[in-house]
Amino acid sequence: GHKIDDEFFTYQAILKAEKVVVFDESLYWYRMRKSGVMLSGTQ
């Protein structure tokens, strides 16, 4: 029931982890699309 999903989920998983590893290699291509902000403004 939210417009945003990731934020309600990820931190809860991190709280259950002990170790998080980050590495600087771009393996994912995030397609930049016209967002709902651009399409439906104030609402």
PDB file of all heavy atoms in Angstrom:
ATOM      1  N   GLY A   1       0.788  -1.228   0.000  1.00  0.00           N
ATOM      2  CA  GLY A   1       0.000   0.000   0.000  1.00  0.00           C
ATOM      3  C   GLY A   1       0.823   1.281   0.000  1.00  0.00           C
ATOM      4  O   GLY A   1       0.314   2.351   0.330  1.00  0.00           O
ATOM      5  N   HIS A   2       2.111   1.175  -0.343  1.00  0.00           N
ATOM      6  CA  HIS A   2       2.979   2.361  -0.383  1.00  0.00           C
ATOM      7  C   HIS A   2       3.474   2.619  -1.803  1.00  0.00           C
ATOM      8  O   HIS A   2       3.512   1.713  -2.627  1.00  0.00           O
ATOM      9  CB  HIS A   2       4.191   2.170   0.531  1.00  0.00           C
ATOM     10  CG  HIS A   2       3.847   1.987   1.980  1.00  0.00           C
ATOM     11  ND1 HIS A   2       3.308   2.992   2.739  1.00  0.00           N
ATOM     12  CD2 HIS A   2       3.957   0.915   2.793  1.00  0.00           C
ATOM     13  CE1 HIS A   2       3.105   2.545   3.971  1.00  0.00           C
ATOM     14  NE2 HIS A   2       3.491   1.280   4.024  1.00  0.00           N
ATOM     15  N   LYS A   3       3.896   3.855  -2.044  1.00  0.00           N
ATOM     16  CA  LYS A   3       4.551   4.191  -3.312  1.00  0.00           C
ATOM     17  C   LYS A   3       6.010   3.749  -3.288  1.00  0.00           C
ATOM     18  O   LYS A   3       6.633   3.544  -4.316  1.00  0.00           O
ATOM     19  CB  LYS A   3       4.490   5.708  -3.573  1.00  0.00           C
ATOM     20  CG  LYS A   3       3.106   6.213  -3.940  1.00  0.00           C
ATOM     21  CD  LYS A   3       2.742   5.862  -5.361  1.00  0.00           C
ATOM     22  CE  LYS A   3       1.393   6.429  -5.739  1.00  0.00           C
ATOM     23  NZ  LYS A   3       0.873   5.819  -6.973  1.00  0.00           N
ATOM     24  N   ILE A   4       6.580   3.686  -2.073  1.00  0.00           N
ATOM     25  CA  ILE A   4       7.967   3.239  -1.944  1.00  0.00           C
ATOM     26  C   ILE A   4       7.968   1.890  -1.227  1.00  0.00           C
ATOM     27  O   ILE A   4       7.242   1.700  -0.259  1.00  0.00           O
ATOM     28  CB  ILE A   4       8.851   4.272  -1.189  1.00  0.00           C
ATOM     29  CG1 ILE A   4       8.223   4.672   0.155  1.00  0.00           C
ATOM     30  CG2 ILE A   4       9.084   5.498  -2.047  1.00  0.00           C
ATOM     31  CD1 ILE A   4       9.061   5.633   0.976  1.00  0.00           C
ATOM     32  N   ASP A   5       8.756   0.955  -1.730  1.00  0.00           N
ATOM     33  CA  ASP A   5       8.788  -0.383  -1.143  1.00  0.00           C
ATOM     34  C   ASP A   5      10.105  -0.666  -0.422  1.00  0.00           C
ATOM     35  O   ASP A   5      10.125  -1.168   0.694  1.00  0.00           O
ATOM     36  CB  ASP A   5       8.610  -1.446  -2.232  1.00  0.00           C
ATOM     37  CG  ASP A   5       7.225  -1.414  -2.853  1.00  0.00           C
ATOM     38  OD1 ASP A   5       6.264  -1.061  -2.149  1.00  0.00           O
ATOM     39  OD2 ASP A   5       7.118  -1.723  -4.055  1.00  0.00           O
ATOM     40  N   ASP A   6      11.212  -0.335  -1.091  1.00  0.00           N
ATOM     41  CA  ASP A   6      12.540  -0.714  -0.599  1.00  0.00           C
ATOM     42  C   ASP A   6      12.768  -0.259   0.839  1.00  0.00           C
ATOM     43  O   ASP A   6      13.261  -1.006   1.677  1.00  0.00           O
ATOM     44  CB  ASP A   6      13.649  -0.099  -1.470  1.00  0.00           C
ATOM     45  CG  ASP A   6      13.541  -0.460  -2.929  1.00  0.00           C
ATOM     46  OD1 ASP A   6      12.446  -0.847  -3.368  1.00  0.00           O
ATOM     47  OD2 ASP A   6      14.549  -0.347  -3.639  1.00  0.00           O
ATOM     48  N   GLU A   7      12.426   0.996   1.121  1.00  0.00           N
ATOM     49  CA  GLU A   7      12.774   1.601   2.404  1.00  0.00           C
ATOM     50  C   GLU A   7      12.120   0.901   3.584  1.00  0.00           C
ATOM     51  O   GLU A   7      12.665   0.880   4.677  1.00  0.00           O
ATOM     52  CB  GLU A   7      12.394   3.094   2.417  1.00  0.00           C
ATOM     53  CG  GLU A   7      13.293   3.957   1.563  1.00  0.00           C
ATOM     54  CD  GLU A   7      12.764   4.155   0.142  1.00  0.00           C
ATOM     55  OE1 GLU A   7      12.043   3.254  -0.339  1.00  0.00           O
ATOM     56  OE2 GLU A   7      13.073   5.194  -0.464  1.00  0.00           O
ATOM     57  N   PHE A   8      10.929   0.341   3.374  1.00  0.00           N
ATOM     58  CA  PHE A   8      10.239  -0.341   4.467  1.00  0.00           C
ATOM     59  C   PHE A   8      10.803  -1.747   4.707  1.00  0.00           C
ATOM     60  O   PHE A   8      10.459  -2.386   5.687  1.00  0.00           O
ATOM     61  CB  PHE A   8       8.734  -0.461   4.159  1.00  0.00           C
ATOM     62  CG  PHE A   8       7.974   0.824   4.321  1.00  0.00           C
ATOM     63  CD1 PHE A   8       7.809   1.692   3.254  1.00  0.00           C
ATOM     64  CD2 PHE A   8       7.426   1.182   5.546  1.00  0.00           C
ATOM     65  CE1 PHE A   8       7.109   2.881   3.397  1.00  0.00           C
ATOM     66  CE2 PHE A   8       6.723   2.368   5.703  1.00  0.00           C
ATOM     67  CZ  PHE A   8       6.561   3.221   4.626  1.00  0.00           C
ATOM     68  N   PHE A   9      11.654  -2.200   3.812  1.00  0.00           N
ATOM     69  CA  PHE A   9      12.116  -3.588   3.830  1.00  0.00           C
ATOM     70  C   PHE A   9      13.593  -3.719   4.205  1.00  0.00           C
ATOM     71  O   PHE A   9      13.947  -4.465   5.122  1.00  0.00           O
ATOM     72  CB  PHE A   9      11.878  -4.187   2.432  1.00  0.00           C
ATOM     73  CG  PHE A   9      12.299  -5.617   2.278  1.00  0.00           C
ATOM     74  CD1 PHE A   9      11.431  -6.653   2.588  1.00  0.00           C
ATOM     75  CD2 PHE A   9      13.564  -5.945   1.802  1.00  0.00           C
ATOM     76  CE1 PHE A   9      11.806  -7.984   2.441  1.00  0.00           C
ATOM     77  CE2 PHE A   9      13.958  -7.260   1.649  1.00  0.00           C
ATOM     78  CZ  PHE A   9      13.068  -8.282   1.968  1.00  0.00           C
ATOM     79  N   THR A  10      14.439  -2.975   3.507  1.00  0.00           N
ATOM     80  CA  THR A  10      15.876  -3.246   3.568  1.00  0.00           C
ATOM     81  C   THR A  10      16.457  -3.099   4.966  1.00  0.00           C
ATOM     82  O   THR A  10      17.227  -3.953   5.419  1.00  0.00           O
ATOM     83  CB  THR A  10      16.634  -2.317   2.593  1.00  0.00           C
ATOM     84  OG1 THR A  10      15.954  -2.315   1.351  1.00  0.00           O
ATOM     85  CG2 THR A  10      18.051  -2.795   2.382  1.00  0.00           C
ATOM     86  N   TYR A  11      16.083  -2.037   5.680  1.00  0.00           N
ATOM     87  CA  TYR A  11      16.707  -1.820   6.985  1.00  0.00           C
ATOM     88  C   TYR A  11      16.354  -2.954   7.955  1.00  0.00           C
ATOM     89  O   TYR A  11      17.148  -3.293   8.840  1.00  0.00           O
ATOM     90  CB  TYR A  11      16.333  -0.445   7.571  1.00  0.00           C
ATOM     91  CG  TYR A  11      14.922  -0.331   8.108  1.00  0.00           C
ATOM     92  CD1 TYR A  11      14.645  -0.617   9.447  1.00  0.00           C
ATOM     93  CD2 TYR A  11      13.868   0.067   7.296  1.00  0.00           C
ATOM     94  CE1 TYR A  11      13.352  -0.514   9.950  1.00  0.00           C
ATOM     95  CE2 TYR A  11      12.576   0.171   7.787  1.00  0.00           C
ATOM     96  CZ  TYR A  11      12.320  -0.125   9.115  1.00  0.00           C
ATOM     97  OH  TYR A  11      11.043  -0.032   9.602  1.00  0.00           O
ATOM     98  N   GLN A  12      15.158  -3.567   7.773  1.00  0.00           N
ATOM     99  CA  GLN A  12      14.774  -4.663   8.666  1.00  0.00           C
ATOM    100  C   GLN A  12      15.660  -5.888   8.435  1.00  0.00           C
ATOM    101  O   GLN A  12      16.026  -6.593   9.379  1.00  0.00           O
ATOM    102  CB  GLN A  12      13.305  -5.025   8.448  1.00  0.00           C
ATOM    103  CG  GLN A  12      12.350  -3.918   8.845  1.00  0.00           C
ATOM    104  CD  GLN A  12      10.906  -4.377   8.790  1.00  0.00           C
ATOM    105  OE1 GLN A  12      10.533  -5.363   9.428  1.00  0.00           O
ATOM    106  NE2 GLN A  12      10.087  -3.689   8.022  1.00  0.00           N
ATOM    107  N   ALA A  13      15.998  -6.138   7.162  1.00  0.00           N
ATOM    108  CA  ALA A  13      16.906  -7.249   6.857  1.00  0.00           C
ATOM    109  C   ALA A  13      18.299  -6.968   7.411  1.00  0.00           C
ATOM    110  O   ALA A  13      18.956  -7.862   7.964  1.00  0.00           O
ATOM    111  CB  ALA A  13      16.965  -7.473   5.350  1.00  0.00           C
ATOM    112  N   ILE A  14      18.754  -5.717   7.270  1.00  0.00           N
ATOM    113  CA  ILE A  14      20.089  -5.351   7.777  1.00  0.00           C
ATOM    114  C   ILE A  14      20.145  -5.520   9.294  1.00  0.00           C
ATOM    115  O   ILE A  14      21.158  -5.969   9.848  1.00  0.00           O
ATOM    116  CB  ILE A  14      20.448  -3.891   7.388  1.00  0.00           C
ATOM    117  CG1 ILE A  14      20.435  -3.696   5.864  1.00  0.00           C
ATOM    118  CG2 ILE A  14      21.802  -3.489   7.983  1.00  0.00           C
ATOM    119  CD1 ILE A  14      21.472  -4.470   5.088  1.00  0.00           C
ATOM    120  N   LEU A  15      19.059  -5.182   9.989  1.00  0.00           N
ATOM    121  CA  LEU A  15      19.019  -5.336  11.451  1.00  0.00           C
ATOM    122  C   LEU A  15      19.179  -6.794  11.869  1.00  0.00           C
ATOM    123  O   LEU A  15      19.637  -7.082  12.977  1.00  0.00           O
ATOM    124  CB  LEU A  15      17.703  -4.776  12.017  1.00  0.00           C
ATOM    125  CG  LEU A  15      17.590  -3.246  12.118  1.00  0.00           C
ATOM    126  CD1 LEU A  15      16.173  -2.840  12.492  1.00  0.00           C
ATOM    127  CD2 LEU A  15      18.592  -2.674  13.113  1.00  0.00           C
ATOM    128  N   LYS A  16      18.810  -7.735  10.977  1.00  0.00           N
ATOM    129  CA  LYS A  16      18.916  -9.157  11.315  1.00  0.00           C
ATOM    130  C   LYS A  16      20.261  -9.747  10.883  1.00  0.00           C
ATOM    131  O   LYS A  16      20.551 -10.902  11.167  1.00  0.00           O
ATOM    132  CB  LYS A  16      17.769  -9.930  10.646  1.00  0.00           C
ATOM    133  CG  LYS A  16      16.397  -9.499  11.146  1.00  0.00           C
ATOM    134  CD  LYS A  16      15.289 -10.335  10.577  1.00  0.00           C
ATOM    135  CE  LYS A  16      15.160 -11.609  11.349  1.00  0.00           C
ATOM    136  NZ  LYS A  16      13.806 -12.098  11.517  1.00  0.00           N
ATOM    137  N   ALA A  17      21.061  -8.957  10.171  1.00  0.00           N
ATOM    138  CA  ALA A  17      22.373  -9.435   9.708  1.00  0.00           C
ATOM    139  C   ALA A  17      23.434  -9.157  10.769  1.00  0.00           C
ATOM    140  O   ALA A  17      23.206  -8.418  11.724  1.00  0.00           O
ATOM    141  CB  ALA A  17      22.743  -8.725   8.408  1.00  0.00           C
ATOM    142  N   GLU A  18      24.597  -9.772  10.588  1.00  0.00           N
ATOM    143  CA  GLU A  18      25.744  -9.444  11.436  1.00  0.00           C
ATOM    144  C   GLU A  18      26.796  -8.681  10.643  1.00  0.00           C
ATOM    145  O   GLU A  18      27.438  -7.778  11.153  1.00  0.00           O
ATOM    146  CB  GLU A  18      26.347 -10.723  12.034  1.00  0.00           C
ATOM    147  CG  GLU A  18      25.474 -11.311  13.123  1.00  0.00           C
ATOM    148  CD  GLU A  18      26.118 -12.471  13.831  1.00  0.00           C
ATOM    149  OE1 GLU A  18      27.375 -12.569  13.819  1.00  0.00           O
ATOM    150  OE2 GLU A  18      25.381 -13.292  14.393  1.00  0.00           O
ATOM    151  N   LYS A  19      26.946  -9.068   9.366  1.00  0.00           N
ATOM    152  CA  LYS A  19      27.971  -8.424   8.539  1.00  0.00           C
ATOM    153  C   LYS A  19      27.411  -8.085   7.161  1.00  0.00           C
ATOM    154  O   LYS A  19      26.702  -8.892   6.558  1.00  0.00           O
ATOM    155  CB  LYS A  19      29.188  -9.341   8.390  1.00  0.00           C
ATOM    156  CG  LYS A  19      30.383  -8.660   7.723  1.00  0.00           C
ATOM    157  CD  LYS A  19      31.447  -9.663   7.286  1.00  0.00           C
ATOM    158  CE  LYS A  19      32.218 -10.221   8.463  1.00  0.00           C
ATOM    159  NZ  LYS A  19      33.361 -11.063   7.957  1.00  0.00           N
ATOM    160  N   VAL A  20      27.738  -6.884   6.673  1.00  0.00           N
ATOM    161  CA  VAL A  20      27.339  -6.427   5.341  1.00  0.00           C
ATOM    162  C   VAL A  20      28.617  -6.099   4.575  1.00  0.00           C
ATOM    163  O   VAL A  20      29.491  -5.404   5.088  1.00  0.00           O
ATOM    164  CB  VAL A  20      26.448  -5.162   5.415  1.00  0.00           C
ATOM    165  CG1 VAL A  20      26.054  -4.687   4.022  1.00  0.00           C
ATOM    166  CG2 VAL A  20      25.202  -5.432   6.258  1.00  0.00           C
ATOM    167  N   VAL A  21      28.736  -6.606   3.353  1.00  0.00           N
ATOM    168  CA  VAL A  21      29.916  -6.329   2.531  1.00  0.00           C
ATOM    169  C   VAL A  21      29.506  -5.488   1.324  1.00  0.00           C
ATOM    170  O   VAL A  21      28.522  -5.799   0.647  1.00  0.00           O
ATOM    171  CB  VAL A  21      30.577  -7.639   2.050  1.00  0.00           C
ATOM    172  CG1 VAL A  21      31.691  -7.354   1.056  1.00  0.00           C
ATOM    173  CG2 VAL A  21      31.125  -8.396   3.239  1.00  0.00           C
ATOM    174  N   VAL A  22      30.244  -4.417   1.086  1.00  0.00           N
ATOM    175  CA  VAL A  22      29.995  -3.534  -0.061  1.00  0.00           C
ATOM    176  C   VAL A  22      31.194  -3.617  -0.995  1.00  0.00           C
ATOM    177  O   VAL A  22      32.338  -3.657  -0.528  1.00  0.00           O
ATOM    178  CB  VAL A  22      29.804  -2.072   0.409  1.00  0.00           C
ATOM    179  CG1 VAL A  22      29.589  -1.144  -0.782  1.00  0.00           C
ATOM    180  CG2 VAL A  22      28.625  -1.967   1.378  1.00  0.00           C
ATOM    181  N   PHE A  23      30.946  -3.686  -2.307  1.00  0.00           N
ATOM    182  CA  PHE A  23      32.085  -3.586  -3.235  1.00  0.00           C
ATOM    183  C   PHE A  23      31.742  -2.688  -4.412  1.00  0.00           C
ATOM    184  O   PHE A  23      30.596  -2.586  -4.834  1.00  0.00           O
ATOM    185  CB  PHE A  23      32.604  -4.967  -3.673  1.00  0.00           C
ATOM    186  CG  PHE A  23      31.657  -5.811  -4.461  1.00  0.00           C
ATOM    187  CD1 PHE A  23      31.711  -5.853  -5.848  1.00  0.00           C
ATOM    188  CD2 PHE A  23      30.710  -6.603  -3.820  1.00  0.00           C
ATOM    189  CE1 PHE A  23      30.852  -6.660  -6.575  1.00  0.00           C
ATOM    190  CE2 PHE A  23      29.849  -7.415  -4.543  1.00  0.00           C
ATOM    191  CZ  PHE A  23      29.920  -7.438  -5.925  1.00  0.00           C
ATOM    192  N   ASP A  24      32.771  -2.022  -4.882  1.00  0.00           N
ATOM    193  CA  ASP A  24      32.592  -0.981  -5.896  1.00  0.00           C
ATOM    194  C   ASP A  24      32.743  -1.543  -7.299  1.00  0.00           C
ATOM    195  O   ASP A  24      33.734  -1.325  -7.982  1.00  0.00           O
ATOM    196  CB  ASP A  24      33.600   0.157  -5.667  1.00  0.00           C
ATOM    197  CG  ASP A  24      33.388   1.304  -6.650  1.00  0.00           C
ATOM    198  OD1 ASP A  24      32.298   1.355  -7.249  1.00  0.00           O
ATOM    199  OD2 ASP A  24      34.297   2.126  -6.814  1.00  0.00           O
ATOM    200  N   GLU A  25      31.743  -2.313  -7.714  1.00  0.00           N
ATOM    201  CA  GLU A  25      31.697  -2.787  -9.094  1.00  0.00           C
ATOM    202  C   GLU A  25      30.247  -2.684  -9.564  1.00  0.00           C
ATOM    203  O   GLU A  25      29.343  -3.201  -8.910  1.00  0.00           O
ATOM    204  CB  GLU A  25      32.195  -4.233  -9.192  1.00  0.00           C
ATOM    205  CG  GLU A  25      32.386  -4.680 -10.619  1.00  0.00           C
ATOM    206  CD  GLU A  25      33.080  -6.038 -10.728  1.00  0.00           C
ATOM    207  OE1 GLU A  25      33.702  -6.490  -9.745  1.00  0.00           O
ATOM    208  OE2 GLU A  25      32.973  -6.649 -11.812  1.00  0.00           O
ATOM    209  N   SER A  26      30.022  -1.986 -10.665  1.00  0.00           N
ATOM    210  CA  SER A  26      28.656  -1.738 -11.145  1.00  0.00           C
ATOM    211  C   SER A  26      28.140  -2.960 -11.904  1.00  0.00           C
ATOM    212  O   SER A  26      28.476  -3.166 -13.065  1.00  0.00           O
ATOM    213  CB  SER A  26      28.628  -0.507 -12.067  1.00  0.00           C
ATOM    214  OG  SER A  26      28.969   0.646 -11.338  1.00  0.00           O
ATOM    215  N   LEU A  27      27.317  -3.739 -11.240  1.00  0.00           N
ATOM    216  CA  LEU A  27      26.800  -4.978 -11.830  1.00  0.00           C
ATOM    217  C   LEU A  27      25.322  -4.870 -12.197  1.00  0.00           C
ATOM    218  O   LEU A  27      24.777  -5.782 -12.832  1.00  0.00           O
ATOM    219  CB  LEU A  27      26.978  -6.141 -10.838  1.00  0.00           C
ATOM    220  CG  LEU A  27      28.414  -6.426 -10.394  1.00  0.00           C
ATOM    221  CD1 LEU A  27      28.441  -7.506  -9.323  1.00  0.00           C
ATOM    222  CD2 LEU A  27      29.270  -6.841 -11.592  1.00  0.00           C
ATOM    223  N   TYR A  28      24.683  -3.781 -11.810  1.00  0.00           N
ATOM    224  CA  TYR A  28      23.240  -3.620 -12.035  1.00  0.00           C
ATOM    225  C   TYR A  28      23.006  -2.354 -12.855  1.00  0.00           C
ATOM    226  O   TYR A  28      23.606  -1.312 -12.580  1.00  0.00           O
ATOM    227  CB  TYR A  28      22.522  -3.515 -10.681  1.00  0.00           C
ATOM    228  CG  TYR A  28      21.011  -3.649 -10.768  1.00  0.00           C
ATOM    229  CD1 TYR A  28      20.385  -4.858 -10.505  1.00  0.00           C
ATOM    230  CD2 TYR A  28      20.206  -2.563 -11.130  1.00  0.00           C
ATOM    231  CE1 TYR A  28      18.998  -4.998 -10.589  1.00  0.00           C
ATOM    232  CE2 TYR A  28      18.831  -2.693 -11.224  1.00  0.00           C
ATOM    233  CZ  TYR A  28      18.227  -3.905 -10.952  1.00  0.00           C
ATOM    234  OH  TYR A  28      16.857  -4.028 -11.048  1.00  0.00           O
ATOM    235  N   TRP A  29      22.141  -2.443 -13.853  1.00  0.00           N
ATOM    236  CA  TRP A  29      21.777  -1.287 -14.685  1.00  0.00           C
ATOM    237  C   TRP A  29      20.370  -0.852 -14.313  1.00  0.00           C
ATOM    238  O   TRP A  29      19.397  -1.565 -14.613  1.00  0.00           O
ATOM    239  CB  TRP A  29      21.819  -1.666 -16.170  1.00  0.00           C
ATOM    240  CG  TRP A  29      23.199  -1.950 -16.707  1.00  0.00           C
ATOM    241  CD1 TRP A  29      24.069  -2.898 -16.277  1.00  0.00           C
ATOM    242  CD2 TRP A  29      23.838  -1.287 -17.807  1.00  0.00           C
ATOM    243  NE1 TRP A  29      25.223  -2.870 -17.039  1.00  0.00           N
ATOM    244  CE2 TRP A  29      25.102  -1.888 -17.981  1.00  0.00           C
ATOM    245  CE3 TRP A  29      23.460  -0.246 -18.667  1.00  0.00           C
ATOM    246  CZ2 TRP A  29      25.995  -1.495 -18.969  1.00  0.00           C
ATOM    247  CZ3 TRP A  29      24.341   0.156 -19.651  1.00  0.00           C
ATOM    248  CH2 TRP A  29      25.600  -0.459 -19.797  1.00  0.00           C
ATOM    249  N   TYR A  30      20.260   0.284 -13.663  1.00  0.00           N
ATOM    250  CA  TYR A  30      18.956   0.801 -13.238  1.00  0.00           C
ATOM    251  C   TYR A  30      18.431   1.768 -14.301  1.00  0.00           C
ATOM    252  O   TYR A  30      19.006   2.829 -14.523  1.00  0.00           O
ATOM    253  CB  TYR A  30      19.071   1.510 -11.887  1.00  0.00           C
ATOM    254  CG  TYR A  30      17.754   2.070 -11.411  1.00  0.00           C
ATOM    255  CD1 TYR A  30      16.782   1.229 -10.872  1.00  0.00           C
ATOM    256  CD2 TYR A  30      17.466   3.431 -11.528  1.00  0.00           C
ATOM    257  CE1 TYR A  30      15.558   1.731 -10.450  1.00  0.00           C
ATOM    258  CE2 TYR A  30      16.245   3.934 -11.114  1.00  0.00           C
ATOM    259  CZ  TYR A  30      15.304   3.082 -10.572  1.00  0.00           C
ATOM    260  OH  TYR A  30      14.097   3.583 -10.162  1.00  0.00           O
ATOM    261  N   ARG A  31      17.350   1.362 -14.970  1.00  0.00           N
ATOM    262  CA  ARG A  31      16.814   2.168 -16.060  1.00  0.00           C
ATOM    263  C   ARG A  31      16.100   3.405 -15.508  1.00  0.00           C
ATOM    264  O   ARG A  31      15.167   3.289 -14.709  1.00  0.00           O
ATOM    265  CB  ARG A  31      15.832   1.331 -16.886  1.00  0.00           C
ATOM    266  CG  ARG A  31      15.430   2.001 -18.205  1.00  0.00           C
ATOM    267  CD  ARG A  31      14.318   1.212 -18.907  1.00  0.00           C
ATOM    268  NE  ARG A  31      14.703  -0.141 -19.275  1.00  0.00           N
ATOM    269  CZ  ARG A  31      15.255  -0.472 -20.447  1.00  0.00           C
ATOM    270  NH1 ARG A  31      15.503   0.453 -21.354  1.00  0.00           N
ATOM    271  NH2 ARG A  31      15.555  -1.733 -20.715  1.00  0.00           N
ATOM    272  N   MET A  32      16.548   4.572 -15.935  1.00  0.00           N
ATOM    273  CA  MET A  32      15.966   5.835 -15.471  1.00  0.00           C
ATOM    274  C   MET A  32      14.728   6.145 -16.312  1.00  0.00           C
ATOM    275  O   MET A  32      14.833   6.515 -17.477  1.00  0.00           O
ATOM    276  CB  MET A  32      16.988   6.963 -15.571  1.00  0.00           C
ATOM    277  CG  MET A  32      18.270   6.711 -14.804  1.00  0.00           C
ATOM    278  SD  MET A  32      18.035   6.559 -13.022  1.00  0.00           S
ATOM    279  CE  MET A  32      17.650   8.255 -12.593  1.00  0.00           C
ATOM    280  N   ARG A  33      13.560   5.963 -15.691  1.00  0.00           N
ATOM    281  CA  ARG A  33      12.294   6.199 -16.403  1.00  0.00           C
ATOM    282  C   ARG A  33      11.597   7.432 -15.844  1.00  0.00           C
ATOM    283  O   ARG A  33      11.867   7.846 -14.731  1.00  0.00           O
ATOM    284  CB  ARG A  33      11.386   4.970 -16.267  1.00  0.00           C
ATOM    285  CG  ARG A  33      11.971   3.737 -16.926  1.00  0.00           C
ATOM    286  CD  ARG A  33      11.089   2.520 -16.730  1.00  0.00           C
ATOM    287  NE  ARG A  33       9.800   2.691 -17.396  1.00  0.00           N
ATOM    288  CZ  ARG A  33       8.785   1.842 -17.253  1.00  0.00           C
ATOM    289  NH1 ARG A  33       8.907   0.783 -16.465  1.00  0.00           N
ATOM    290  NH2 ARG A  33       7.645   2.052 -17.890  1.00  0.00           N
ATOM    291  N   LYS A  34      10.706   7.985 -16.652  1.00  0.00           N
ATOM    292  CA  LYS A  34       9.918   9.129 -16.184  1.00  0.00           C
ATOM    293  C   LYS A  34       9.097   8.670 -14.989  1.00  0.00           C
ATOM    294  O   LYS A  34       8.288   7.767 -15.094  1.00  0.00           O
ATOM    295  CB  LYS A  34       9.008   9.640 -17.307  1.00  0.00           C
ATOM    296  CG  LYS A  34       9.780  10.300 -18.431  1.00  0.00           C
ATOM    297  CD  LYS A  34       8.854  10.821 -19.501  1.00  0.00           C
ATOM    298  CE  LYS A  34       9.682  11.495 -20.613  1.00  0.00           C
ATOM    299  NZ  LYS A  34       8.835  11.946 -21.724  1.00  0.00           N
ATOM    300  N   SER A  35       9.351   9.295 -13.866  1.00  0.00           N
ATOM    301  CA  SER A  35       8.744   8.814 -12.625  1.00  0.00           C
ATOM    302  C   SER A  35       7.331   9.336 -12.454  1.00  0.00           C
ATOM    303  O   SER A  35       6.866  10.223 -13.161  1.00  0.00           O
ATOM    304  CB  SER A  35       9.584   9.270 -11.430  1.00  0.00           C
ATOM    305  OG  SER A  35       9.453  10.666 -11.294  1.00  0.00           O
ATOM    306  N   GLY A  36       6.661   8.792 -11.432  1.00  0.00           N
ATOM    307  CA  GLY A  36       5.318   9.254 -11.105  1.00  0.00           C
ATOM    308  C   GLY A  36       5.299  10.722 -10.726  1.00  0.00           C
ATOM    309  O   GLY A  36       4.302  11.405 -10.919  1.00  0.00           O
ATOM    310  N   VAL A  37       6.400  11.225 -10.154  1.00  0.00           N
ATOM    311  CA  VAL A  37       6.470  12.648  -9.810  1.00  0.00           C
ATOM    312  C   VAL A  37       6.257  13.488 -11.056  1.00  0.00           C
ATOM    313  O   VAL A  37       5.520  14.469 -11.069  1.00  0.00           O
ATOM    314  CB  VAL A  37       7.848  12.991  -9.189  1.00  0.00           C
ATOM    315  CG1 VAL A  37       8.022  14.493  -9.077  1.00  0.00           C
ATOM    316  CG2 VAL A  37       7.977  12.368  -7.809  1.00  0.00           C
ATOM    317  N   MET A  38       6.887  13.062 -12.152  1.00  0.00           N
ATOM    318  CA  MET A  38       6.777  13.823 -13.389  1.00  0.00           C
ATOM    319  C   MET A  38       5.389  13.671 -14.012  1.00  0.00           C
ATOM    320  O   MET A  38       4.915  14.563 -14.704  1.00  0.00           O
ATOM    321  CB  MET A  38       7.828  13.325 -14.384  1.00  0.00           C
ATOM    322  CG  MET A  38       9.240  13.579 -13.912  1.00  0.00           C
ATOM    323  SD  MET A  38      10.402  12.642 -14.873  1.00  0.00           S
ATOM    324  CE  MET A  38      11.913  12.978 -13.978  1.00  0.00           C
ATOM    325  N   LEU A  39       4.769  12.522 -13.759  1.00  0.00           N
ATOM    326  CA  LEU A  39       3.505  12.240 -14.429  1.00  0.00           C
ATOM    327  C   LEU A  39       2.282  12.704 -13.641  1.00  0.00           C
ATOM    328  O   LEU A  39       1.260  13.004 -14.210  1.00  0.00           O
ATOM    329  CB  LEU A  39       3.392  10.733 -14.700  1.00  0.00           C
ATOM    330  CG  LEU A  39       4.490  10.152 -15.594  1.00  0.00           C
ATOM    331  CD1 LEU A  39       4.330   8.651 -15.717  1.00  0.00           C
ATOM    332  CD2 LEU A  39       4.462  10.787 -16.988  1.00  0.00           C
ATOM    333  N   SER A  40       2.402  12.739 -12.303  1.00  0.00           N
ATOM    334  CA  SER A  40       1.191  13.065 -11.550  1.00  0.00           C
ATOM    335  C   SER A  40       1.401  14.060 -10.417  1.00  0.00           C
ATOM    336  O   SER A  40       0.566  14.177  -9.529  1.00  0.00           O
ATOM    337  CB  SER A  40       0.547  11.781 -11.022  1.00  0.00           C
ATOM    338  OG  SER A  40       1.484  10.972 -10.359  1.00  0.00           O
ATOM    339  N   GLY A  41       2.513  14.757 -10.439  1.00  0.00           N
ATOM    340  CA  GLY A  41       2.728  15.937  -9.600  1.00  0.00           C
ATOM    341  C   GLY A  41       2.341  15.823  -8.143  1.00  0.00           C
ATOM    342  O   GLY A  41       2.786  14.939  -7.433  1.00  0.00           O
ATOM    343  N   THR A  42       1.478  16.727  -7.687  1.00  0.00           N
ATOM    344  CA  THR A  42       1.185  16.912  -6.272  1.00  0.00           C
ATOM    345  C   THR A  42       0.641  15.664  -5.592  1.00  0.00           C
ATOM    346  O   THR A  42       1.038  15.329  -4.487  1.00  0.00           O
ATOM    347  CB  THR A  42       0.184  18.073  -6.086  1.00  0.00           C
ATOM    348  OG1 THR A  42       0.703  19.217  -6.754  1.00  0.00           O
ATOM    349  CG2 THR A  42       0.006  18.394  -4.621  1.00  0.00           C
ATOM    350  N   GLN A  43      -0.260  14.966  -6.262  1.00  0.00           N
ATOM    351  CA  GLN A  43      -0.868  13.782  -5.652  1.00  0.00           C
ATOM    352  C   GLN A  43       0.196  12.725  -5.339  1.00  0.00           C
ATOM    353  O   GLN A  43       0.222  12.139  -4.259  1.00  0.00           O
ATOM    354  CB  GLN A  43      -1.929  13.205  -6.597  1.00  0.00           C
ATOM    355  CG  GLN A  43      -2.673  12.016  -6.005  1.00  0.00           C
ATOM    356  CD  GLN A  43      -3.594  11.346  -7.017  1.00  0.00           C
ATOM    357  OE1 GLN A  43      -3.785  11.846  -8.119  1.00  0.00           O
ATOM    358  NE2 GLN A  43      -4.156  10.215  -6.643  1.00  0.00           N
TER     359      GLN A  43
END
